[in-house]
C-alpha atoms as a PDB file:
ATOM      1  CA  UNK A   1      17.491   5.636 -16.949  1.00  0.00           C
ATOM      2  CA  UNK A   2      15.372   8.493 -15.600  1.00  0.00           C
ATOM      3  CA  UNK A   3      11.712   7.533 -15.110  1.00  0.00           C
ATOM      4  CA  UNK A   4       8.924   9.920 -14.178  1.00  0.00           C
ATOM      5  CA  UNK A   5       6.308   8.076 -12.118  1.00  0.00           C
ATOM      6  CA  UNK A   6       2.722   9.256 -11.616  1.00  0.00           C
ATOM      7  CA  UNK A   7       0.405   7.864  -8.930  1.00  0.00           C
ATOM      8  CA  UNK A   8      -3.307   8.767  -8.668  1.00  0.00           C
ATOM      9  CA  UNK A   9      -4.954   5.514  -7.578  1.00  0.00           C
ATOM     10  CA  UNK A  10      -6.856   6.944  -4.615  1.00  0.00           C
ATOM     11  CA  UNK A  11      -6.737  10.303  -2.847  1.00  0.00           C
ATOM     12  CA  UNK A  12      -3.100  11.327  -3.208  1.00  0.00           C
ATOM     13  CA  UNK A  13      -1.635  12.986  -6.283  1.00  0.00           C
ATOM     14  CA  UNK A  14       2.042  12.127  -6.580  1.00  0.00           C
ATOM     15  CA  UNK A  15       4.876  12.428  -9.093  1.00  0.00           C
ATOM     16  CA  UNK A  16       8.467  11.247  -8.683  1.00  0.00           C
ATOM     17  CA  UNK A  17      11.654  10.794 -10.661  1.00  0.00           C
ATOM     18  CA  UNK A  18      13.811   7.731 -10.008  1.00  0.00           C
ATOM     19  CA  UNK A  19      17.088   6.759 -11.664  1.00  0.00           C
ATOM     20  CA  UNK A  20      17.581   3.102 -12.627  1.00  0.00           C
ATOM     21  CA  UNK A  21      14.759   1.895 -10.398  1.00  0.00           C
ATOM     22  CA  UNK A  22      16.666   2.398  -7.180  1.00  0.00           C
ATOM     23  CA  UNK A  23      17.793   6.018  -6.796  1.00  0.00           C
ATOM     24  CA  UNK A  24      14.989   8.443  -5.887  1.00  0.00           C
ATOM     25  CA  UNK A  25      15.830  11.944  -7.106  1.00  0.00           C
ATOM     26  CA  UNK A  26      12.684  13.677  -5.889  1.00  0.00           C
ATOM     27  CA  UNK A  27       8.979  13.327  -5.208  1.00  0.00           C
ATOM     28  CA  UNK A  28       6.067  15.716  -4.922  1.00  0.00           C
ATOM     29  CA  UNK A  29       2.935  14.443  -3.177  1.00  0.00           C
ATOM     30  CA  UNK A  30      -0.270  16.303  -2.484  1.00  0.00           C
ATOM     31  CA  UNK A  31      -2.650  14.674  -0.008  1.00  0.00           C
ATOM     32  CA  UNK A  32      -6.415  15.157  -0.055  1.00  0.00           C
ATOM     33  CA  UNK A  33      -7.014  14.049   3.543  1.00  0.00           C
ATOM     34  CA  UNK A  34      -8.449  17.464   4.440  1.00  0.00           C
ATOM     35  CA  UNK A  35     -11.091  17.058   1.710  1.00  0.00           C
ATOM     36  CA  UNK A  36     -12.271  13.633   2.827  1.00  0.00           C
ATOM     37  CA  UNK A  37     -11.937  13.633   6.617  1.00  0.00           C
ATOM     38  CA  UNK A  38     -15.363  15.238   7.134  1.00  0.00           C
ATOM     39  CA  UNK A  39     -16.942  12.250   5.342  1.00  0.00           C
ATOM     40  CA  UNK A  40     -14.979   9.613   7.256  1.00  0.00           C
ATOM     41  CA  UNK A  41     -13.567   8.128   4.046  1.00  0.00           C
ATOM     42  CA  UNK A  42     -12.574   8.850   0.463  1.00  0.00           C
ATOM     43  CA  UNK A  43     -15.304  10.306  -1.764  1.00  0.00           C
ATOM     44  CA  UNK A  44     -14.429   9.163  -5.329  1.00  0.00           C
ATOM     45  CA  UNK A  45     -15.833  12.226  -7.112  1.00  0.00           C
ATOM     46  CA  UNK A  46     -13.918  14.621  -4.855  1.00  0.00           C
ATOM     47  CA  UNK A  47     -10.745  12.583  -5.300  1.00  0.00           C
ATOM     48  CA  UNK A  48     -11.070  12.742  -9.089  1.00  0.00           C
ATOM     49  CA  UNK A  49     -11.576  16.505  -9.081  1.00  0.00           C
ATOM     50  CA  UNK A  50      -8.612  16.945  -6.780  1.00  0.00           C
ATOM     51  CA  UNK A  51      -6.340  15.010  -9.148  1.00  0.00           C
ATOM     52  CA  UNK A  52      -7.473  17.119 -12.111  1.00  0.00           C
ATOM     53  CA  UNK A  53      -6.535  20.256 -10.203  1.00  0.00           C
ATOM     54  CA  UNK A  54      -3.208  18.995  -8.887  1.00  0.00           C
ATOM     55  CA  UNK A  55      -1.646  16.664 -11.484  1.00  0.00           C
ATOM     56  CA  UNK A  56       0.046  19.298 -13.653  1.00  0.00           C
ATOM     57  CA  UNK A  57       1.351  21.129 -10.591  1.00  0.00           C
ATOM     58  CA  UNK A  58       2.958  18.105  -8.912  1.00  0.00           C
ATOM     59  CA  UNK A  59       4.705  17.041 -12.139  1.00  0.00           C
ATOM     60  CA  UNK A  60       6.098  20.536 -12.675  1.00  0.00           C
ATOM     61  CA  UNK A  61       7.222  20.714  -9.046  1.00  0.00           C
ATOM     62  CA  UNK A  62       9.092  17.406  -9.109  1.00  0.00           C
ATOM     63  CA  UNK A  63      10.918  18.415 -12.302  1.00  0.00           C
ATOM     64  CA  UNK A  64      11.940  21.691 -10.669  1.00  0.00           C
ATOM     65  CA  UNK A  65      12.919  19.884  -7.479  1.00  0.00           C
ATOM     66  CA  UNK A  66      15.246  17.583  -9.441  1.00  0.00           C
ATOM     67  CA  UNK A  67      16.542  20.327 -11.716  1.00  0.00           C
ATOM     68  CA  UNK A  68      15.432  18.391 -14.778  1.00  0.00           C
ATOM     69  CA  UNK A  69      13.461  19.086 -17.932  1.00  0.00           C
ATOM     70  CA  UNK A  70      11.088  16.805 -19.816  1.00  0.00           C
ATOM     71  CA  UNK A  71      13.706  16.358 -22.520  1.00  0.00           C
ATOM     72  CA  UNK A  72      15.986  14.579 -20.023  1.00  0.00           C
ATOM     73  CA  UNK A  73      13.469  11.883 -19.125  1.00  0.00           C
ATOM     74  CA  UNK A  74      13.742   8.367 -20.541  1.00  0.00           C
ATOM     75  CA  UNK A  75      10.244   7.060 -19.780  1.00  0.00           C
ATOM     76  CA  UNK A  76       6.879   7.804 -18.159  1.00  0.00           C
ATOM     77  CA  UNK A  77       5.276   5.385 -15.692  1.00  0.00           C
ATOM     78  CA  UNK A  78       1.742   5.603 -14.316  1.00  0.00           C
ATOM     79  CA  UNK A  79      -0.506   3.556 -12.063  1.00  0.00           C
ATOM     80  CA  UNK A  80      -2.965   1.606 -14.216  1.00  0.00           C
ATOM     81  CA  UNK A  81      -4.886   0.033 -11.318  1.00  0.00           C
ATOM     82  CA  UNK A  82      -6.288  -1.155  -9.038  1.00  0.00           C
ATOM     83  CA  UNK A  83      -7.939   1.927  -7.552  1.00  0.00           C
ATOM     84  CA  UNK A  84     -10.739   4.421  -8.050  1.00  0.00           C
ATOM     85  CA  UNK A  85     -11.553   4.453 -11.755  1.00  0.00           C
ATOM     86  CA  UNK A  86     -11.947   8.233 -12.052  1.00  0.00           C
ATOM     87  CA  UNK A  87      -8.754   8.897 -10.128  1.00  0.00           C
ATOM     88  CA  UNK A  88      -6.800   6.410 -12.242  1.00  0.00           C
ATOM     89  CA  UNK A  89      -8.081   7.932 -15.482  1.00  0.00           C
ATOM     90  CA  UNK A  90      -6.736  11.364 -14.544  1.00  0.00           C
ATOM     91  CA  UNK A  91      -3.205  10.046 -14.059  1.00  0.00           C
ATOM     92  CA  UNK A  92      -3.309   7.833 -17.160  1.00  0.00           C
ATOM     93  CA  UNK A  93      -4.651  10.590 -19.423  1.00  0.00           C
ATOM     94  CA  UNK A  94      -1.924  12.947 -18.258  1.00  0.00           C
ATOM     95  CA  UNK A  95       0.822  10.321 -18.612  1.00  0.00           C
ATOM     96  CA  UNK A  96      -0.316   9.273 -22.101  1.00  0.00           C
ATOM     97  CA  UNK A  97      -0.439  12.876 -23.284  1.00  0.00           C
ATOM     98  CA  UNK A  98       3.025  13.565 -21.931  1.00  0.00           C
ATOM     99  CA  UNK A  99       4.513  10.374 -23.380  1.00  0.00           C
ATOM    100  CA  UNK A 100       2.932  10.990 -26.784  1.00  0.00           C
ATOM    101  CA  UNK A 101       4.022  14.632 -26.940  1.00  0.00           C
ATOM    102  CA  UNK A 102       7.614  13.859 -25.881  1.00  0.00           C
ATOM    103  CA  UNK A 103       7.852  10.519 -27.772  1.00  0.00           C
ATOM    104  CA  UNK A 104       8.736   8.661 -24.591  1.00  0.00           C
ATOM    105  CA  UNK A 105       8.059   5.031 -23.657  1.00  0.00           C
ATOM    106  CA  UNK A 106       4.955   4.609 -21.501  1.00  0.00           C
ATOM    107  CA  UNK A 107       4.568   1.938 -18.807  1.00  0.00           C
ATOM    108  CA  UNK A 108       1.341   1.150 -16.950  1.00  0.00           C
ATOM    109  CA  UNK A 109       2.023  -0.273 -13.494  1.00  0.00           C
ATOM    110  CA  UNK A 110      -0.060  -2.369 -11.152  1.00  0.00           C
ATOM    111  CA  UNK A 111      -0.230  -0.426  -7.891  1.00  0.00           C
ATOM    112  CA  UNK A 112       0.440  -3.605  -5.884  1.00  0.00           C
ATOM    113  CA  UNK A 113       3.581  -4.322  -7.910  1.00  0.00           C
ATOM    114  CA  UNK A 114       4.740  -0.843  -6.988  1.00  0.00           C
ATOM    115  CA  UNK A 115       4.527  -1.794  -3.314  1.00  0.00           C
ATOM    116  CA  UNK A 116       6.690  -4.864  -4.028  1.00  0.00           C
ATOM    117  CA  UNK A 117       9.474  -2.744  -5.475  1.00  0.00           C
ATOM    118  CA  UNK A 118       9.346   0.056  -2.898  1.00  0.00           C
ATOM    119  CA  UNK A 119      12.165  -1.668  -0.999  1.00  0.00           C
ATOM    120  CA  UNK A 120      14.493  -1.090  -3.984  1.00  0.00           C
ATOM    121  CA  UNK A 121      14.296   2.661  -3.329  1.00  0.00           C
ATOM    122  CA  UNK A 122      16.508   2.073  -0.281  1.00  0.00           C
ATOM    123  CA  UNK A 123      19.204   0.346  -2.293  1.00  0.00           C
ATOM    124  CA  UNK A 124      18.093  -3.180  -1.363  1.00  0.00           C
ATOM    125  CA  UNK A 125      17.598  -5.983  -3.863  1.00  0.00           C
ATOM    126  CA  UNK A 126      14.799  -8.521  -3.918  1.00  0.00           C
ATOM    127  CA  UNK A 127      16.160 -12.047  -3.651  1.00  0.00           C
ATOM    128  CA  UNK A 128      13.922 -14.326  -5.691  1.00  0.00           C
ATOM    129  CA  UNK A 129      12.084 -16.517  -4.919  1.00  0.00           C
ATOM    130  CA  UNK A 130      10.373 -14.949  -1.917  1.00  0.00           C
ATOM    131  CA  UNK A 131       6.939 -14.150  -0.542  1.00  0.00           C
ATOM    132  CA  UNK A 132       5.335 -10.740  -0.147  1.00  0.00           C
ATOM    133  CA  UNK A 133       2.583  -9.356   2.048  1.00  0.00           C
ATOM    134  CA  UNK A 134       0.844  -6.267   0.645  1.00  0.00           C
ATOM    135  CA  UNK A 135      -1.483  -4.780   3.230  1.00  0.00           C
ATOM    136  CA  UNK A 136      -3.370  -1.501   2.944  1.00  0.00           C
ATOM    137  CA  UNK A 137      -6.797   0.099   3.174  1.00  0.00           C
ATOM    138  CA  UNK A 138      -8.007  -1.714   0.082  1.00  0.00           C
ATOM    139  CA  UNK A 139      -5.782  -4.784  -0.111  1.00  0.00           C
ATOM    140  CA  UNK A 140      -4.560  -7.670   2.008  1.00  0.00           C
ATOM    141  CA  UNK A 141      -2.692 -10.044  -0.312  1.00  0.00           C
ATOM    142  CA  UNK A 142       0.036 -12.649  -0.054  1.00  0.00           C
ATOM    143  CA  UNK A 143       2.152 -13.352  -3.140  1.00  0.00           C
ATOM    144  CA  UNK A 144       4.767 -15.902  -4.078  1.00  0.00           C
ATOM    145  CA  UNK A 145       7.379 -14.163  -6.237  1.00  0.00           C
ATOM    146  CA  UNK A 146       9.254 -16.615  -8.462  1.00  0.00           C
ATOM    147  CA  UNK A 147      11.172 -13.898 -10.290  1.00  0.00           C
ATOM    148  CA  UNK A 148      10.670 -10.342 -11.528  1.00  0.00           C
ATOM    149  CA  UNK A 149       7.271 -10.160 -13.231  1.00  0.00           C
ATOM    150  CA  UNK A 150       6.319 -13.720 -12.246  1.00  0.00           C
ATOM    151  CA  UNK A 151       3.922 -13.529  -9.299  1.00  0.00           C
ATOM    152  CA  UNK A 152       1.392 -15.941  -7.870  1.00  0.00           C
ATOM    153  CA  UNK A 153      -1.429 -14.851  -5.575  1.00  0.00           C
ATOM    154  CA  UNK A 154      -1.437 -17.318  -2.671  1.00  0.00           C
ATOM    155  CA  UNK A 155      -3.687 -15.612  -0.125  1.00  0.00           C
ATOM    156  CA  UNK A 156      -6.129 -12.731   0.160  1.00  0.00           C
ATOM    157  CA  UNK A 157      -8.867 -11.349   2.361  1.00  0.00           C
ATOM    158  CA  UNK A 158     -12.306 -12.919   2.132  1.00  0.00           C
ATOM    159  CA  UNK A 159     -13.975  -9.662   3.216  1.00  0.00           C
ATOM    160  CA  UNK A 160     -12.436  -6.497   4.701  1.00  0.00           C
ATOM    161  CA  UNK A 161      -8.837  -5.509   4.056  1.00  0.00           C
ATOM    162  CA  UNK A 162      -6.749  -4.966   7.192  1.00  0.00           C
ATOM    163  CA  UNK A 163      -6.510  -1.217   6.652  1.00  0.00           C
ATOM    164  CA  UNK A 164     -10.245  -1.030   6.042  1.00  0.00           C
ATOM    165  CA  UNK A 165     -10.869  -2.868   9.326  1.00  0.00           C
ATOM    166  CA  UNK A 166      -8.652  -0.366  11.160  1.00  0.00           C
ATOM    167  CA  UNK A 167     -10.375   2.627   9.565  1.00  0.00           C
ATOM    168  CA  UNK A 168     -13.853   1.278  10.342  1.00  0.00           C
ATOM    169  CA  UNK A 169     -12.891   0.620  13.948  1.00  0.00           C
ATOM    170  CA  UNK A 170     -11.636   4.188  14.333  1.00  0.00           C
ATOM    171  CA  UNK A 171     -14.888   5.497  12.871  1.00  0.00           C
ATOM    172  CA  UNK A 172     -16.936   3.304  15.238  1.00  0.00           C
ATOM    173  CA  UNK A 173     -14.934   4.650  18.187  1.00  0.00           C
ATOM    174  CA  UNK A 174     -15.361   8.240  17.007  1.00  0.00           C
ATOM    175  CA  UNK A 175     -11.648   8.781  16.430  1.00  0.00           C
ATOM    176  CA  UNK A 176     -11.686  10.399  12.995  1.00  0.00           C
ATOM    177  CA  UNK A 177     -10.042   9.739   9.626  1.00  0.00           C
ATOM    178  CA  UNK A 178      -7.688   8.274   8.502  1.00  0.00           C
ATOM    179  CA  UNK A 179      -8.299   5.748  11.250  1.00  0.00           C
ATOM    180  CA  UNK A 180      -5.267   3.451  11.033  1.00  0.00           C
ATOM    181  CA  UNK A 181      -2.629   6.018  12.086  1.00  0.00           C
ATOM    182  CA  UNK A 182      -4.956   7.387  14.797  1.00  0.00           C
ATOM    183  CA  UNK A 183      -5.439   3.914  16.294  1.00  0.00           C
ATOM    184  CA  UNK A 184      -1.691   3.311  16.128  1.00  0.00           C
ATOM    185  CA  UNK A 185      -0.916   6.491  18.077  1.00  0.00           C
ATOM    186  CA  UNK A 186      -3.689   5.904  20.607  1.00  0.00           C
ATOM    187  CA  UNK A 187      -2.558   2.324  21.255  1.00  0.00           C
ATOM    188  CA  UNK A 188       1.028   3.308  22.099  1.00  0.00           C
ATOM    189  CA  UNK A 189       1.723   2.255  25.691  1.00  0.00           C
ATOM    190  CA  UNK A 190      -1.747   0.727  26.183  1.00  0.00           C
ATOM    191  CA  UNK A 191      -2.541  -2.908  27.056  1.00  0.00           C
ATOM    192  CA  UNK A 192      -2.960  -5.032  23.887  1.00  0.00           C
ATOM    193  CA  UNK A 193      -4.212  -7.970  25.956  1.00  0.00           C
ATOM    194  CA  UNK A 194      -6.956  -6.072  27.810  1.00  0.00           C
ATOM    195  CA  UNK A 195      -9.732  -7.324  25.510  1.00  0.00           C
ATOM    196  CA  UNK A 196      -9.703 -10.805  23.970  1.00  0.00           C
ATOM    197  CA  UNK A 197     -10.526  -9.992  20.360  1.00  0.00           C
ATOM    198  CA  UNK A 198     -10.772 -13.042  18.050  1.00  0.00           C
ATOM    199  CA  UNK A 199      -8.097 -14.044  15.520  1.00  0.00           C
ATOM    200  CA  UNK A 200      -9.602 -15.583  12.384  1.00  0.00           C
ATOM    201  CA  UNK A 201      -7.037 -18.077  11.070  1.00  0.00           C
ATOM    202  CA  UNK A 202      -9.482 -19.908   8.733  1.00  0.00           C
ATOM    203  CA  UNK A 203      -8.123 -23.364   9.421  1.00  0.00           C
ATOM    204  CA  UNK A 204      -4.708 -25.064   9.456  1.00  0.00           C
ATOM    205  CA  UNK A 205      -2.470 -23.977   6.614  1.00  0.00           C
ATOM    206  CA  UNK A 206      -4.827 -21.317   5.260  1.00  0.00           C
ATOM    207  CA  UNK A 207      -3.155 -18.237   3.798  1.00  0.00           C
ATOM    208  CA  UNK A 208      -6.391 -16.267   3.432  1.00  0.00           C
ATOM    209  CA  UNK A 209      -7.603 -13.517   5.764  1.00  0.00           C
ATOM    210  CA  UNK A 210     -10.897 -12.440   7.319  1.00  0.00           C
ATOM    211  CA  UNK A 211     -11.445  -9.340   9.441  1.00  0.00           C
ATOM    212  CA  UNK A 212     -15.221  -8.823   9.274  1.00  0.00           C
ATOM    213  CA  UNK A 213     -15.815 -10.946  12.374  1.00  0.00           C
ATOM    214  CA  UNK A 214     -13.304  -8.875  14.314  1.00  0.00           C
ATOM    215  CA  UNK A 215     -15.138  -5.708  13.333  1.00  0.00           C
ATOM    216  CA  UNK A 216     -18.456  -7.240  14.427  1.00  0.00           C
ATOM    217  CA  UNK A 217     -16.940  -8.273  17.763  1.00  0.00           C
ATOM    218  CA  UNK A 218     -15.832  -4.675  18.347  1.00  0.00           C
ATOM    219  CA  UNK A 219     -19.305  -3.338  17.555  1.00  0.00           C
ATOM    220  CA  UNK A 220     -20.901  -5.767  19.998  1.00  0.00           C
ATOM    221  CA  UNK A 221     -18.333  -4.952  22.670  1.00  0.00           C
ATOM    222  CA  UNK A 222     -18.960  -1.212  22.331  1.00  0.00           C
ATOM    223  CA  UNK A 223     -22.736  -1.717  22.487  1.00  0.00           C
ATOM    224  CA  UNK A 224     -22.412  -3.972  25.538  1.00  0.00           C
ATOM    225  CA  UNK A 225     -20.104  -1.593  27.468  1.00  0.00           C
ATOM    226  CA  UNK A 226     -21.221   1.932  26.499  1.00  0.00           C
ATOM    227  CA  UNK A 227     -20.214   3.524  29.810  1.00  0.00           C
ATOM    228  CA  UNK A 228     -16.729   1.985  29.818  1.00  0.00           C
ATOM    229  CA  UNK A 229     -15.596   2.666  26.254  1.00  0.00           C
ATOM    230  CA  UNK A 230     -14.084   6.115  26.816  1.00  0.00           C
ATOM    231  CA  UNK A 231     -11.988   5.072  29.794  1.00  0.00           C
ATOM    232  CA  UNK A 232     -10.838   1.925  27.970  1.00  0.00           C
ATOM    233  CA  UNK A 233     -10.351   3.601  24.593  1.00  0.00           C
ATOM    234  CA  UNK A 234      -6.572   3.193  24.393  1.00  0.00           C
ATOM    235  CA  UNK A 235      -6.716  -0.452  25.498  1.00  0.00           C
ATOM    236  CA  UNK A 236      -9.522  -1.166  23.020  1.00  0.00           C
ATOM    237  CA  UNK A 237      -7.410   0.354  20.223  1.00  0.00           C
ATOM    238  CA  UNK A 238      -4.333  -1.617  21.280  1.00  0.00           C
ATOM    239  CA  UNK A 239      -6.215  -4.925  21.609  1.00  0.00           C
ATOM    240  CA  UNK A 240      -8.037  -4.530  18.303  1.00  0.00           C
ATOM    241  CA  UNK A 241      -4.882  -3.540  16.439  1.00  0.00           C
ATOM    242  CA  UNK A 242      -2.946  -6.430  18.006  1.00  0.00           C
ATOM    243  CA  UNK A 243      -5.554  -8.924  16.785  1.00  0.00           C
ATOM    244  CA  UNK A 244      -5.016  -7.741  13.209  1.00  0.00           C
ATOM    245  CA  UNK A 245      -1.228  -7.695  13.488  1.00  0.00           C
ATOM    246  CA  UNK A 246      -1.083 -11.215  14.955  1.00  0.00           C
ATOM    247  CA  UNK A 247      -2.970 -12.605  11.950  1.00  0.00           C
ATOM    248  CA  UNK A 248      -0.863 -10.711   9.401  1.00  0.00           C
ATOM    249  CA  UNK A 249       2.418 -11.893  10.916  1.00  0.00           C
ATOM    250  CA  UNK A 250       1.255 -15.486  11.356  1.00  0.00           C
ATOM    251  CA  UNK A 251       0.050 -15.749   7.748  1.00  0.00           C
ATOM    252  CA  UNK A 252       3.243 -14.203   6.364  1.00  0.00           C
ATOM    253  CA  UNK A 253       5.367 -16.708   8.280  1.00  0.00           C
ATOM    254  CA  UNK A 254       3.116 -19.569   7.146  1.00  0.00           C
ATOM    255  CA  UNK A 255       3.700 -18.520   3.549  1.00  0.00           C
ATOM    256  CA  UNK A 256       7.470 -18.442   4.044  1.00  0.00           C
ATOM    257  CA  UNK A 257       7.379 -21.976   5.431  1.00  0.00           C
ATOM    258  CA  UNK A 258       4.920 -23.307   2.841  1.00  0.00           C
ATOM    259  CA  UNK A 259       6.999 -22.094  -0.108  1.00  0.00           C
ATOM    260  CA  UNK A 260      10.366 -22.781   1.527  1.00  0.00           C
ATOM    261  CA  UNK A 261      11.840 -19.357   0.937  1.00  0.00           C
ATOM    262  CA  UNK A 262      14.057 -17.337   3.245  1.00  0.00           C
ATOM    263  CA  UNK A 263      12.858 -13.764   2.684  1.00  0.00           C
ATOM    264  CA  UNK A 264       9.609 -11.830   2.920  1.00  0.00           C
ATOM    265  CA  UNK A 265       8.632  -8.407   1.583  1.00  0.00           C
ATOM    266  CA  UNK A 266       6.054  -6.366   3.491  1.00  0.00           C
ATOM    267  CA  UNK A 267       4.518  -3.310   1.822  1.00  0.00           C
ATOM    268  CA  UNK A 268       1.419  -1.155   1.648  1.00  0.00           C
ATOM    269  CA  UNK A 269       0.094   1.573   3.911  1.00  0.00           C
ATOM    270  CA  UNK A 270      -0.525  -0.687   6.909  1.00  0.00           C
ATOM    271  CA  UNK A 271       3.152  -1.689   6.781  1.00  0.00           C
ATOM    272  CA  UNK A 272       3.874   1.700   8.355  1.00  0.00           C
ATOM    273  CA  UNK A 273       2.018   0.576  11.507  1.00  0.00           C
ATOM    274  CA  UNK A 274       4.501   0.562  14.400  1.00  0.00           C
ATOM    275  CA  UNK A 275       3.235  -2.649  16.010  1.00  0.00           C
ATOM    276  CA  UNK A 276       3.256  -4.585  12.733  1.00  0.00           C
ATOM    277  CA  UNK A 277       6.771  -3.375  11.947  1.00  0.00           C
ATOM    278  CA  UNK A 278       8.083  -4.332  15.377  1.00  0.00           C
ATOM    279  CA  UNK A 279       6.409  -7.742  15.418  1.00  0.00           C
ATOM    280  CA  UNK A 280       7.551  -8.602  11.870  1.00  0.00           C
ATOM    281  CA  UNK A 281      11.109  -7.602  12.744  1.00  0.00           C
ATOM    282  CA  UNK A 282      11.109  -9.701  15.919  1.00  0.00           C
ATOM    283  CA  UNK A 283       9.451 -12.745  14.336  1.00  0.00           C
ATOM    284  CA  UNK A 284      11.658 -12.842  11.244  1.00  0.00           C
ATOM    285  CA  UNK A 285      14.804 -12.346  13.314  1.00  0.00           C
ATOM    286  CA  UNK A 286      13.913 -15.314  15.542  1.00  0.00           C
ATOM    287  CA  UNK A 287      13.164 -17.447  12.481  1.00  0.00           C
ATOM    288  CA  UNK A 288      16.272 -16.443  10.529  1.00  0.00           C
ATOM    289  CA  UNK A 289      14.176 -14.926   7.736  1.00  0.00           C
ATOM    290  CA  UNK A 290      15.270 -11.873   5.772  1.00  0.00           C
ATOM    291  CA  UNK A 291      12.709  -9.080   6.135  1.00  0.00           C
ATOM    292  CA  UNK A 292      12.442  -6.489   3.374  1.00  0.00           C
ATOM    293  CA  UNK A 293      10.396  -3.694   4.941  1.00  0.00           C
ATOM    294  CA  UNK A 294      10.545  -0.210   3.388  1.00  0.00           C
ATOM    295  CA  UNK A 295      10.656   2.877   5.554  1.00  0.00           C
ATOM    296  CA  UNK A 296       7.161   4.193   6.415  1.00  0.00           C
ATOM    297  CA  UNK A 297       6.941   6.891   3.726  1.00  0.00           C
ATOM    298  CA  UNK A 298       7.674   4.286   1.044  1.00  0.00           C
ATOM    299  CA  UNK A 299       4.965   1.992   2.478  1.00  0.00           C
ATOM    300  CA  UNK A 300       2.171   4.501   1.922  1.00  0.00           C
ATOM    301  CA  UNK A 301       1.096   5.374  -1.629  1.00  0.00           C
ATOM    302  CA  UNK A 302       3.854   7.171  -3.527  1.00  0.00           C
ATOM    303  CA  UNK A 303       5.039   7.689  -7.086  1.00  0.00           C
ATOM    304  CA  UNK A 304       8.637   6.597  -6.500  1.00  0.00           C
ATOM    305  CA  UNK A 305       7.556   2.970  -6.169  1.00  0.00           C
ATOM    306  CA  UNK A 306       5.718   3.258  -9.505  1.00  0.00           C
ATOM    307  CA  UNK A 307       8.947   4.425 -11.159  1.00  0.00           C
ATOM    308  CA  UNK A 308      10.900   1.614  -9.465  1.00  0.00           C
ATOM    309  CA  UNK A 309       8.515  -1.064 -10.737  1.00  0.00           C
ATOM    310  CA  UNK A 310       8.517   0.488 -14.215  1.00  0.00           C
ATOM    311  CA  UNK A 311      12.287   0.193 -14.471  1.00  0.00           C
ATOM    312  CA  UNK A 312      12.060  -3.593 -14.209  1.00  0.00           C
ATOM    313  CA  UNK A 313       9.329  -3.664 -16.853  1.00  0.00           C
ATOM    314  CA  UNK A 314      11.432  -1.545 -19.207  1.00  0.00           C
ATOM    315  CA  UNK A 315      14.484  -3.752 -18.707  1.00  0.00           C
ATOM    316  CA  UNK A 316      12.345  -6.663 -19.939  1.00  0.00           C
ATOM    317  CA  UNK A 317      11.199  -4.608 -22.932  1.00  0.00           C
ATOM    318  CA  UNK A 318       7.619  -4.190 -21.705  1.00  0.00           C
ATOM    319  CA  UNK A 319       5.868  -0.937 -22.611  1.00  0.00           C
ATOM    320  CA  UNK A 320       2.346   0.264 -23.392  1.00  0.00           C
ATOM    321  CA  UNK A 321       0.914   2.312 -26.202  1.00  0.00           C
ATOM    322  CA  UNK A 322      -1.769   4.946 -26.420  1.00  0.00           C
ATOM    323  CA  UNK A 323      -4.359   2.196 -25.818  1.00  0.00           C
ATOM    324  CA  UNK A 324      -3.369   1.971 -22.122  1.00  0.00           C
ATOM    325  CA  UNK A 325      -6.535   2.194 -20.026  1.00  0.00           C
ATOM    326  CA  UNK A 326      -7.407   2.273 -16.348  1.00  0.00           C
ATOM    327  CA  UNK A 327      -8.557  -0.909 -14.625  1.00  0.00           C
ATOM    328  CA  UNK A 328     -10.148  -0.416 -11.214  1.00  0.00           C
ATOM    329  CA  UNK A 329      -9.881  -4.137 -10.379  1.00  0.00           C
ATOM    330  CA  UNK A 330      -6.520  -4.891 -11.961  1.00  0.00           C
ATOM    331  CA  UNK A 331      -5.203  -8.222 -10.702  1.00  0.00           C
ATOM    332  CA  UNK A 332      -1.606  -9.069  -9.847  1.00  0.00           C
ATOM    333  CA  UNK A 333      -0.629 -12.722 -10.049  1.00  0.00           C
ATOM    334  CA  UNK A 334      -2.774 -15.694 -10.980  1.00  0.00           C
END
């Protein structure tokens, strides 16, 4: 089954073709970072215009890359939400038009579900039941996965997402955008214990997250030590990043223990962070837990994961009609 996936939830326009939900044949991705970096974050209107300009081109390019024609496709998949409403509408309108014109099944995919199935693109299978941590610029969620399509939300951030906290810290320190990768590079080799940033655990057994207090602590530290910030910049980045990683790893392991499962999926853009990857690998190995962690380019937003998730929907006979609409706050799990 050849599925064309389209992803336009934020500031990247992507199209990919995946066979049977696990064999990526090709992907074309066009980033808009250069458009948004001057503003220190994504500008929704600019993102929407960028998708309008790029969507036809990336779909044509991925078909050429794979040596395929539209007539050889079996289905069209597209991100339905969550995300920026204008950006989502561009991808959905294009996907619906293509599916209608070619008489192909159409599948709307929750962006977070795409992150769950990204691991399948490396030939690995999800062993249900398990737990999953999806962590990105807009999301920090823990899920209990009973089986394919049966998900329960068991923890989420009360305020800032982890990726958002990293980006805001980079902006406060004058490091540029996107902040997460910049902090990660700057922190390499620095002292993560130099500054005692707080870890908000929210009480015994809690699976929720909070990073706003950490951000406030950083602001107060910078204001209290203005002359020392530049010389301590790498250590500040390392200590701040470590505080976030410690909470993410601890909560993921709590979820594994609470639901008595033996595997954990980690996905989303922040899952490409080198410290988080290393600490998750070390912690799960010590605990005898199977870690399903996609390679970094499958952690960030991509269309291949949308195709992978769509395959499992199609196998269950789930499709959408022309009524498919974007949902900026689409929820995954109950």
